């Protein structure tokens, strides 16, 4: 029995990047042998075991044969006679098909190290085409390593396009798509992920609502980049690396894709028009409820944030209530960050000041400073208490508005 460090740990070690997870492949063993050594089986589809001391994942060397559609359509063969080279051959990219022995020796049968040095994302073998999830993985690795100069090999991109044309992407299940999308949104260049999907034709299948935005014009006075799809990509690039914020930014302008042609480049009412589209994407990908709530809030109210200084105190109070800002300060902060990303995701305006964020923080703080207890001591209760509380909060917000010259 021999044990090898494989995959991302080997890749990142060679790149000089920190290694956070370690995966191991066991050659020359079978399941009874692993159990005898104290390993705990955890894999449903693949022979994976947890180390009795470290908890690291150890997988038996295996081969796979395509037996159906999608990510799970494989018959797995794992036994003591499967070699390391056979195991590495089934992996997606050459840079992920390297191993390291317990003596520190690099095992690189498919040129992964040379591709690392060439900054190239290249598939290992034609078996790549058997798993459509690999299209998303390649796009995600491009988003991760784009700033290091990585490119996708022409033959790999051609194979990805072929897979899309053959309909394989349509067999991906929601959970797997969401896992890749959510991980990609936290990479250094999240917009690159969606650009790759668009280049190979997968975006129009996985997220047609976003694909539709490319080529849709916007008023140049507000959007020097003109193209709505390009604006969303710039906004993603401007957003902080927080999944909820970037997910909301990704979906905030979907309504512009259904604007009637006769009113273009204006997009009156695109916020409300986008709401059913945002909800449909969240449903299709089974996004968490918290992320759905933030995404719909940003979609519906991002123009309120941009025009915050123009809003009356009563309208500002309605905005706080609609966003549940008093009870959910973290979500409100994410709302502000998403709106700021939207404002700065415009050609040449990446560093523009956006004082609305500090203003709305002050508005929320003033509203939170109103004490229900004091009103209750004055005899208010029930519905009357709620109305009195709203009036007091509006007065507090009005004082903030008076102190801001822009307002």
Protein backbone atom coordinates (compact mmCIF):
# COMPACT_ATOMS: atom_id res chain seq x y z
CA UNK A 1 0.00 0.00 0.00
CA UNK A 2 1.29 3.46 -0.96
CA UNK A 3 -0.17 6.84 -0.10
CA UNK A 4 0.20 9.98 -2.23
CA UNK A 5 -0.73 13.62 -1.72
CA UNK A 6 -2.75 14.66 -4.77
CA UNK A 7 -4.64 17.44 -6.48
CA UNK A 8 -4.90 20.99 -5.23
CA UNK A 9 -2.39 20.62 -2.42
CA UNK A 10 0.36 19.62 -4.87
CA UNK A 11 -0.67 22.33 -7.34
CA UNK A 12 -0.74 25.15 -4.79
CA UNK A 13 2.50 24.01 -3.20
CA UNK A 14 4.22 24.33 -6.57
CA UNK A 15 2.63 27.73 -7.09
CA UNK A 16 3.86 28.89 -3.70
CA UNK A 17 0.31 29.41 -2.47
CA UNK A 18 -0.93 28.39 0.98
CA UNK A 19 -2.31 24.84 1.20
CA UNK A 20 -5.56 24.66 3.17
CA UNK A 21 -6.80 21.15 2.37
CA UNK A 22 -4.97 17.93 1.69
CA UNK A 23 -6.37 15.02 -0.29
CA UNK A 24 -4.71 11.65 -0.45
CA UNK A 25 -4.89 8.69 -2.82
CA UNK A 26 -4.21 5.16 -1.60
CA UNK A 27 -2.72 2.72 -4.13
CA UNK A 28 -2.61 -1.05 -3.51
CA UNK A 29 -5.43 -1.29 -0.96
CA UNK A 30 -9.14 -2.12 -0.87
CA UNK A 31 -12.03 -1.25 1.43
CA UNK A 32 -11.56 -4.14 3.95
CA UNK A 33 -7.89 -3.21 4.30
CA UNK A 34 -8.77 0.46 5.00
CA UNK A 35 -11.31 -0.56 7.63
CA UNK A 36 -8.73 -2.80 9.32
CA UNK A 37 -6.43 0.23 9.58
CA UNK A 38 -9.14 2.22 11.37
CA UNK A 39 -10.28 4.41 8.46
CA UNK A 40 -13.95 5.40 8.39
CA UNK A 41 -15.79 5.11 5.03
CA UNK A 42 -17.73 8.27 4.12
CA UNK A 43 -18.09 8.24 0.33
CA UNK A 44 -21.49 7.42 -1.11
CA UNK A 45 -20.45 7.42 -4.75
CA UNK A 46 -16.69 6.99 -4.37
CA UNK A 47 -14.49 4.94 -2.01
CA UNK A 48 -13.43 7.75 0.36
CA UNK A 49 -12.29 7.29 3.97
CA UNK A 50 -11.44 9.55 6.91
CA UNK A 51 -8.10 9.12 8.64
CA UNK A 52 -8.61 7.94 12.25
CA UNK A 53 -6.32 10.66 13.66
CA UNK A 54 -6.22 13.64 11.28
CA UNK A 55 -9.69 13.41 9.73
CA UNK A 56 -8.16 13.99 6.27
CA UNK A 57 -9.83 12.34 3.27
CA UNK A 58 -8.15 9.29 1.74
CA UNK A 59 -9.57 7.89 -1.49
CA UNK A 60 -8.78 4.54 -3.04
CA UNK A 61 -7.22 4.83 -6.49
CA UNK A 62 -10.06 4.40 -8.96
CA UNK A 63 -11.09 4.44 -12.59
CA UNK A 64 -14.45 5.57 -13.96
CA UNK A 65 -16.61 4.60 -16.91
CA UNK A 66 -19.35 6.82 -18.31
CA UNK A 67 -22.73 5.20 -17.78
CA UNK A 68 -25.22 8.06 -17.88
CA UNK A 69 -25.66 11.82 -18.13
CA UNK A 70 -24.35 14.55 -15.86
CA UNK A 71 -22.05 14.66 -12.88
CA UNK A 72 -23.18 11.38 -11.34
CA UNK A 73 -23.41 9.27 -14.49
CA UNK A 74 -20.36 7.08 -13.81
CA UNK A 75 -19.54 3.53 -12.84
CA UNK A 76 -16.58 3.53 -10.44
CA UNK A 77 -13.98 0.79 -10.19
CA UNK A 78 -11.71 0.88 -7.12
CA UNK A 79 -9.40 -1.96 -6.23
CA UNK A 80 -5.84 -2.70 -5.22
CA UNK A 81 -4.77 -3.18 -8.85
CA UNK A 82 -5.61 0.39 -9.99
CA UNK A 83 -2.39 2.37 -10.53
CA UNK A 84 -1.68 5.95 -9.57
CA UNK A 85 -1.33 6.92 -13.23
CA UNK A 86 -4.77 5.46 -13.99
CA UNK A 87 -6.26 7.43 -11.11
CA UNK A 88 -4.64 10.70 -12.20
CA UNK A 89 -5.80 10.17 -15.81
CA UNK A 90 -9.46 10.60 -14.81
CA UNK A 91 -8.86 14.08 -13.33
CA UNK A 92 -9.94 17.31 -15.01
CA UNK A 93 -6.85 19.47 -15.57
CA UNK A 94 -3.18 18.57 -15.85
CA UNK A 95 -2.35 20.96 -13.01
CA UNK A 96 -4.68 18.89 -10.80
CA UNK A 97 -3.30 15.54 -12.02
CA UNK A 98 -0.05 15.55 -10.06
CA UNK A 99 0.88 13.61 -6.94
CA UNK A 100 3.61 13.69 -4.32
CA UNK A 101 4.98 10.60 -2.58
CA UNK A 102 5.73 10.41 1.13
CA UNK A 103 9.37 10.99 0.15
CA UNK A 104 8.49 14.30 -1.51
CA UNK A 105 8.90 12.95 -5.05
CA UNK A 106 6.65 14.57 -7.67
CA UNK A 107 4.65 12.19 -9.85
CA UNK A 108 3.61 14.11 -12.97
CA UNK A 109 2.68 11.77 -15.86
CA UNK A 110 0.60 14.31 -17.82
CA UNK A 111 2.71 17.50 -17.81
CA UNK A 112 1.02 19.38 -14.99
CA UNK A 113 4.17 21.13 -13.82
CA UNK A 114 5.01 22.36 -17.32
CA UNK A 115 1.45 23.70 -17.66
CA UNK A 116 1.76 25.46 -14.30
CA UNK A 117 4.90 27.17 -15.52
CA UNK A 118 3.19 28.04 -18.81
CA UNK A 119 0.14 29.30 -16.87
CA UNK A 120 -2.10 26.97 -18.87
CA UNK A 121 -5.38 25.29 -17.93
CA UNK A 122 -5.46 22.14 -20.08
CA UNK A 123 -7.58 18.98 -19.81
CA UNK A 124 -5.84 15.71 -19.07
CA UNK A 125 -7.64 13.41 -21.52
CA UNK A 126 -10.76 13.12 -23.70
CA UNK A 127 -12.54 11.74 -20.60
CA UNK A 128 -12.91 15.40 -19.57
CA UNK A 129 -15.95 15.55 -21.86
CA UNK A 130 -17.77 12.93 -19.80
CA UNK A 131 -18.44 15.31 -16.89
CA UNK A 132 -20.14 18.66 -17.67
CA UNK A 133 -19.36 19.95 -14.19
CA UNK A 134 -15.77 20.31 -15.37
CA UNK A 135 -16.82 23.24 -17.55
CA UNK A 136 -17.71 25.13 -14.39
CA UNK A 137 -14.55 23.99 -12.66
CA UNK A 138 -12.34 25.26 -15.47
CA UNK A 139 -14.19 28.61 -15.38
CA UNK A 140 -13.68 28.77 -11.61
CA UNK A 141 -9.97 28.02 -11.85
CA UNK A 142 -9.67 30.75 -14.46
CA UNK A 143 -11.37 33.16 -12.03
CA UNK A 144 -8.93 32.07 -9.32
CA UNK A 145 -5.72 32.29 -11.31
CA UNK A 146 -6.55 34.98 -13.86
CA UNK A 147 -4.44 37.55 -12.00
CA UNK A 148 -1.47 35.19 -12.29
CA UNK A 149 -1.77 35.15 -16.08
CA UNK A 150 -3.44 31.77 -16.56
CA UNK A 151 -5.24 31.06 -19.83
CA UNK A 152 -7.41 28.17 -21.04
CA UNK A 153 -5.84 25.95 -23.69
CA UNK A 154 -7.51 26.34 -27.09
CA UNK A 155 -8.20 22.62 -27.31
CA UNK A 156 -9.83 22.64 -23.86
CA UNK A 157 -12.09 25.57 -24.74
CA UNK A 158 -13.01 23.80 -27.99
CA UNK A 159 -13.93 20.68 -26.04
CA UNK A 160 -16.03 22.73 -23.60
CA UNK A 161 -17.96 24.26 -26.51
CA UNK A 162 -18.50 20.81 -27.97
CA UNK A 163 -19.87 19.56 -24.64
CA UNK A 164 -22.30 22.49 -24.49
CA UNK A 165 -23.46 21.85 -28.06
CA UNK A 166 -24.08 18.20 -27.22
CA UNK A 167 -26.45 19.19 -24.37
CA UNK A 168 -24.41 17.81 -21.47
CA UNK A 169 -24.73 21.04 -19.41
CA UNK A 170 -28.49 20.63 -19.24
CA UNK A 171 -28.02 17.50 -17.12
CA UNK A 172 -26.26 19.31 -14.25
CA UNK A 173 -28.18 19.27 -10.97
CA UNK A 174 -28.87 22.47 -9.07
CA UNK A 175 -26.78 21.60 -6.02
CA UNK A 176 -23.62 21.07 -8.08
CA UNK A 177 -24.15 24.25 -10.10
CA UNK A 178 -24.72 26.30 -6.96
CA UNK A 179 -21.62 24.88 -5.31
CA UNK A 180 -19.43 25.94 -8.22
CA UNK A 181 -21.12 29.33 -8.66
CA UNK A 182 -20.92 30.17 -4.96
CA UNK A 183 -17.24 29.24 -4.85
CA UNK A 184 -16.52 31.19 -8.03
CA UNK A 185 -18.14 34.31 -6.60
CA UNK A 186 -15.50 34.42 -3.85
CA UNK A 187 -12.53 34.06 -6.22
CA UNK A 188 -10.24 37.05 -6.93
CA UNK A 189 -11.85 37.74 -10.35
CA UNK A 190 -15.46 36.47 -10.19
CA UNK A 191 -16.45 38.15 -13.44
CA UNK A 192 -13.97 35.93 -15.30
CA UNK A 193 -16.02 32.86 -14.31
CA UNK A 194 -19.09 34.18 -16.11
CA UNK A 195 -17.07 35.40 -19.09
CA UNK A 196 -15.67 31.89 -19.58
CA UNK A 197 -19.14 30.37 -19.36
CA UNK A 198 -20.32 32.88 -21.94
CA UNK A 199 -17.39 32.15 -24.26
CA UNK A 200 -18.16 28.43 -24.33
CA UNK A 201 -21.94 28.88 -24.58
CA UNK A 202 -22.84 27.54 -21.13
CA UNK A 203 -24.07 30.85 -19.69
CA UNK A 204 -27.17 30.95 -21.90
CA UNK A 205 -28.15 27.56 -20.45
CA UNK A 206 -27.21 28.05 -16.80
CA UNK A 207 -28.05 31.75 -16.41
CA UNK A 208 -29.95 33.00 -19.48
CA UNK A 209 -31.15 36.01 -17.47
CA UNK A 210 -27.54 37.27 -17.33
CA UNK A 211 -26.69 36.27 -20.91
CA UNK A 212 -29.61 38.43 -22.06
CA UNK A 213 -28.01 41.58 -20.58
CA UNK A 214 -25.04 41.60 -22.96
CA UNK A 215 -25.72 44.01 -25.81
CA UNK A 216 -28.52 45.82 -23.94
CA UNK A 217 -27.70 49.58 -23.92
CA UNK A 218 -27.93 51.97 -20.98
CA UNK A 219 -27.76 55.80 -20.90
CA UNK A 220 -24.12 56.82 -21.40
CA UNK A 221 -24.46 59.67 -18.90
CA UNK A 222 -24.86 57.12 -16.07
CA UNK A 223 -23.10 54.16 -17.70
CA UNK A 224 -20.08 55.09 -19.84
CA UNK A 225 -19.61 51.37 -20.56
CA UNK A 226 -23.09 51.39 -22.22
CA UNK A 227 -23.49 47.58 -22.27
CA UNK A 228 -25.55 46.25 -19.33
CA UNK A 229 -23.76 42.90 -19.22
CA UNK A 230 -20.39 44.67 -19.08
CA UNK A 231 -21.72 46.83 -16.25
CA UNK A 232 -22.62 43.75 -14.20
CA UNK A 233 -19.13 42.33 -14.80
CA UNK A 234 -17.52 45.62 -13.67
CA UNK A 235 -19.78 45.73 -10.61
CA UNK A 236 -18.76 42.18 -9.69
CA UNK A 237 -15.11 43.21 -9.98
CA UNK A 238 -15.78 46.21 -7.71
CA UNK A 239 -17.61 44.15 -5.06
CA UNK A 240 -15.89 42.94 -1.88
CA UNK A 241 -15.18 39.17 -1.69
CA UNK A 242 -18.33 38.33 0.24
CA UNK A 243 -20.65 35.74 -1.29
CA UNK A 244 -23.95 37.44 -0.29
CA UNK A 245 -22.82 40.81 -1.67
CA UNK A 246 -21.45 39.45 -4.95
CA UNK A 247 -24.47 37.23 -5.50
CA UNK A 248 -26.77 40.23 -5.08
CA UNK A 249 -24.61 42.29 -7.44
CA UNK A 250 -24.73 39.50 -10.02
CA UNK A 251 -28.54 39.62 -10.10
CA UNK A 252 -29.31 43.27 -9.36
CA UNK A 253 -29.98 44.42 -12.96
CA UNK A 254 -31.70 41.36 -14.44
CA UNK A 255 -34.78 43.49 -15.08
CA UNK A 256 -32.91 45.45 -17.76
CA UNK A 257 -32.95 42.33 -19.90
CA UNK A 258 -36.73 42.57 -20.32
CA UNK A 259 -36.98 46.33 -20.94
CA UNK A 260 -39.19 47.02 -24.00
CA UNK A 261 -37.01 47.99 -26.97
CA UNK A 262 -39.01 51.13 -27.67
CA UNK A 263 -37.89 52.82 -24.43
CA UNK A 264 -34.19 51.86 -24.62
CA UNK A 265 -31.67 52.98 -23.45
CA UNK A 266 -33.94 54.00 -20.56
CA UNK A 267 -34.85 51.29 -18.08
CA UNK A 268 -37.75 52.71 -16.13
CA UNK A 269 -39.12 50.17 -13.68
CA UNK A 270 -36.34 47.65 -14.17
CA UNK A 271 -36.12 47.09 -10.40
CA UNK A 272 -39.63 45.65 -10.13
CA UNK A 273 -39.31 43.89 -13.49
CA UNK A 274 -36.23 42.10 -12.21
CA UNK A 275 -37.80 40.69 -9.04
CA UNK A 276 -39.44 37.60 -10.58
CA UNK A 277 -36.24 36.89 -12.50
CA UNK A 278 -34.12 37.06 -9.34
CA UNK A 279 -36.54 34.79 -7.51
CA UNK A 280 -36.48 32.30 -10.38
CA UNK A 281 -32.66 32.13 -10.39
CA UNK A 282 -32.61 31.64 -6.63
CA UNK A 283 -35.24 28.91 -6.91
CA UNK A 284 -33.46 27.18 -9.79
CA UNK A 285 -30.11 27.14 -7.99
CA UNK A 286 -31.70 26.54 -4.56
CA UNK A 287 -29.80 29.47 -3.12
CA UNK A 288 -29.98 29.93 0.68
CA UNK A 289 -32.89 32.03 1.97
CA UNK A 290 -30.63 34.73 3.39
CA UNK A 291 -28.94 35.25 0.04
CA UNK A 292 -32.29 35.29 -1.73
CA UNK A 293 -33.61 37.95 0.66
CA UNK A 294 -30.57 40.15 0.09
CA UNK A 295 -30.62 39.68 -3.70
CA UNK A 296 -34.30 40.63 -3.97
CA UNK A 297 -33.76 43.61 -1.67
CA UNK A 298 -30.87 44.93 -3.74
CA UNK A 299 -32.78 44.35 -6.98
CA UNK A 300 -35.83 46.28 -5.78
CA UNK A 301 -34.20 49.10 -3.83
CA UNK A 302 -30.73 49.81 -5.26
CA UNK A 303 -31.98 53.02 -6.90
CA UNK A 304 -33.31 54.14 -3.52
CA UNK A 305 -29.77 53.86 -2.21
CA UNK A 306 -28.33 55.82 -5.13
CA UNK A 307 -30.94 58.57 -4.62
CA UNK A 308 -30.78 58.47 -0.82
CA UNK A 309 -30.09 62.21 -0.46
CA UNK A 310 -33.23 63.00 -2.47
CA UNK A 311 -35.54 60.86 -0.32
CA UNK A 312 -37.82 62.33 2.34
CA UNK A 313 -37.41 61.11 5.94
CA UNK A 314 -40.68 59.19 5.63
CA UNK A 315 -39.42 57.41 2.51
CA UNK A 316 -36.11 56.60 4.19
CA UNK A 317 -38.05 55.04 7.07
CA UNK A 318 -40.06 52.95 4.60
CA UNK A 319 -36.78 51.81 3.03
CA UNK A 320 -35.42 50.71 6.41
CA UNK A 321 -38.62 48.84 7.09
CA UNK A 322 -38.69 47.17 3.68
CA UNK A 323 -35.11 45.93 4.16
CA UNK A 324 -35.73 44.92 7.79
CA UNK A 325 -32.68 47.06 8.50
CA UNK A 326 -33.36 47.69 12.18
CA UNK A 327 -33.46 43.99 13.05
CA UNK A 328 -30.87 42.80 10.50
CA UNK A 329 -27.92 45.21 10.53
CA UNK A 330 -25.61 42.71 8.81
CA UNK A 331 -27.94 42.30 5.85
CA UNK A 332 -28.38 46.08 5.61
CA UNK A 333 -24.61 46.53 5.54
CA UNK A 334 -24.41 43.96 2.73
CA UNK A 335 -27.15 45.88 0.90
CA UNK A 336 -25.09 49.07 1.12
CA UNK A 337 -21.94 47.33 -0.12
CA UNK A 338 -23.82 45.84 -3.08
CA UNK A 339 -25.24 49.25 -4.02
CA UNK A 340 -21.80 50.82 -3.73
CA UNK A 341 -20.42 48.12 -6.03
CA UNK A 342 -23.19 48.90 -8.51
CA UNK A 343 -22.29 52.60 -8.42
CA UNK A 344 -18.59 51.93 -8.95
CA UNK A 345 -19.01 49.20 -11.54
CA UNK A 346 -18.93 51.69 -14.37
CA UNK A 347 -16.20 52.45 -16.86
CA UNK A 348 -13.86 55.10 -15.49
CA UNK A 349 -15.88 55.54 -12.28
CA UNK A 350 -14.36 52.78 -10.18
CA UNK A 351 -13.01 55.25 -7.61
CA UNK A 352 -15.96 57.63 -7.52
CA UNK A 353 -17.05 58.75 -4.03
CA UNK A 354 -20.23 57.18 -2.75
CA UNK A 355 -21.32 59.09 0.38
CA UNK A 356 -24.76 57.47 0.34
CA UNK A 357 -23.34 54.54 2.31
CA UNK A 358 -22.30 56.62 5.32
CA UNK A 359 -25.49 58.65 5.10
CA UNK A 360 -27.75 55.59 5.22
CA UNK A 361 -25.70 54.11 8.04
CA UNK A 362 -26.35 57.31 10.00
CA UNK A 363 -30.05 57.16 9.08
CA UNK A 364 -30.33 53.63 10.39
CA UNK A 365 -28.43 54.47 13.57
CA UNK A 366 -30.75 57.42 14.24
CA UNK A 367 -33.83 55.24 13.76
CA UNK A 368 -32.40 52.57 16.07
CA UNK A 369 -31.73 55.22 18.70
CA UNK A 370 -35.45 55.80 19.27
CA UNK A 371 -36.49 53.96 22.43
CA UNK A 372 -39.85 52.13 22.44
CA UNK A 373 -39.59 52.04 26.23
CA UNK A 374 -39.86 55.81 26.51
CA UNK A 375 -42.97 55.84 24.35
CA UNK A 376 -44.50 53.04 26.38
CA UNK A 377 -43.91 55.07 29.52
CA UNK A 378 -45.88 57.85 27.84
CA UNK A 379 -48.85 55.50 27.60
CA UNK A 380 -48.54 54.26 24.03
CA UNK A 381 -49.38 50.64 23.36
CA UNK A 382 -50.46 48.30 20.56
CA UNK A 383 -50.98 49.86 17.13
CA UNK A 384 -50.69 53.36 18.59
CA UNK A 385 -47.23 52.49 19.88
CA UNK A 386 -46.13 51.37 16.41
CA UNK A 387 -47.34 54.60 14.80
CA UNK A 388 -45.72 56.75 17.49
CA UNK A 389 -42.49 54.83 17.09
CA UNK A 390 -42.52 55.45 13.34
CA UNK A 391 -43.15 59.19 13.82
CA UNK A 392 -40.31 59.45 16.32
CA UNK A 393 -37.96 57.62 14.01
CA UNK A 394 -38.91 59.86 11.09
CA UNK A 395 -38.10 62.92 13.24
CA UNK A 396 -34.73 61.39 14.16
CA UNK A 397 -33.99 60.72 10.50
CA UNK A 398 -34.97 64.30 9.63
CA UNK A 399 -32.30 65.59 12.02
CA UNK A 400 -29.70 63.45 10.27
CA UNK A 401 -30.87 64.78 6.91
CA UNK A 402 -30.44 68.36 8.16
CA UNK A 403 -26.85 67.64 9.17
CA UNK A 404 -25.85 66.36 5.71
CA UNK A 405 -25.14 69.14 3.16
CA UNK A 406 -25.86 66.81 0.22
CA UNK A 407 -29.31 66.05 1.58
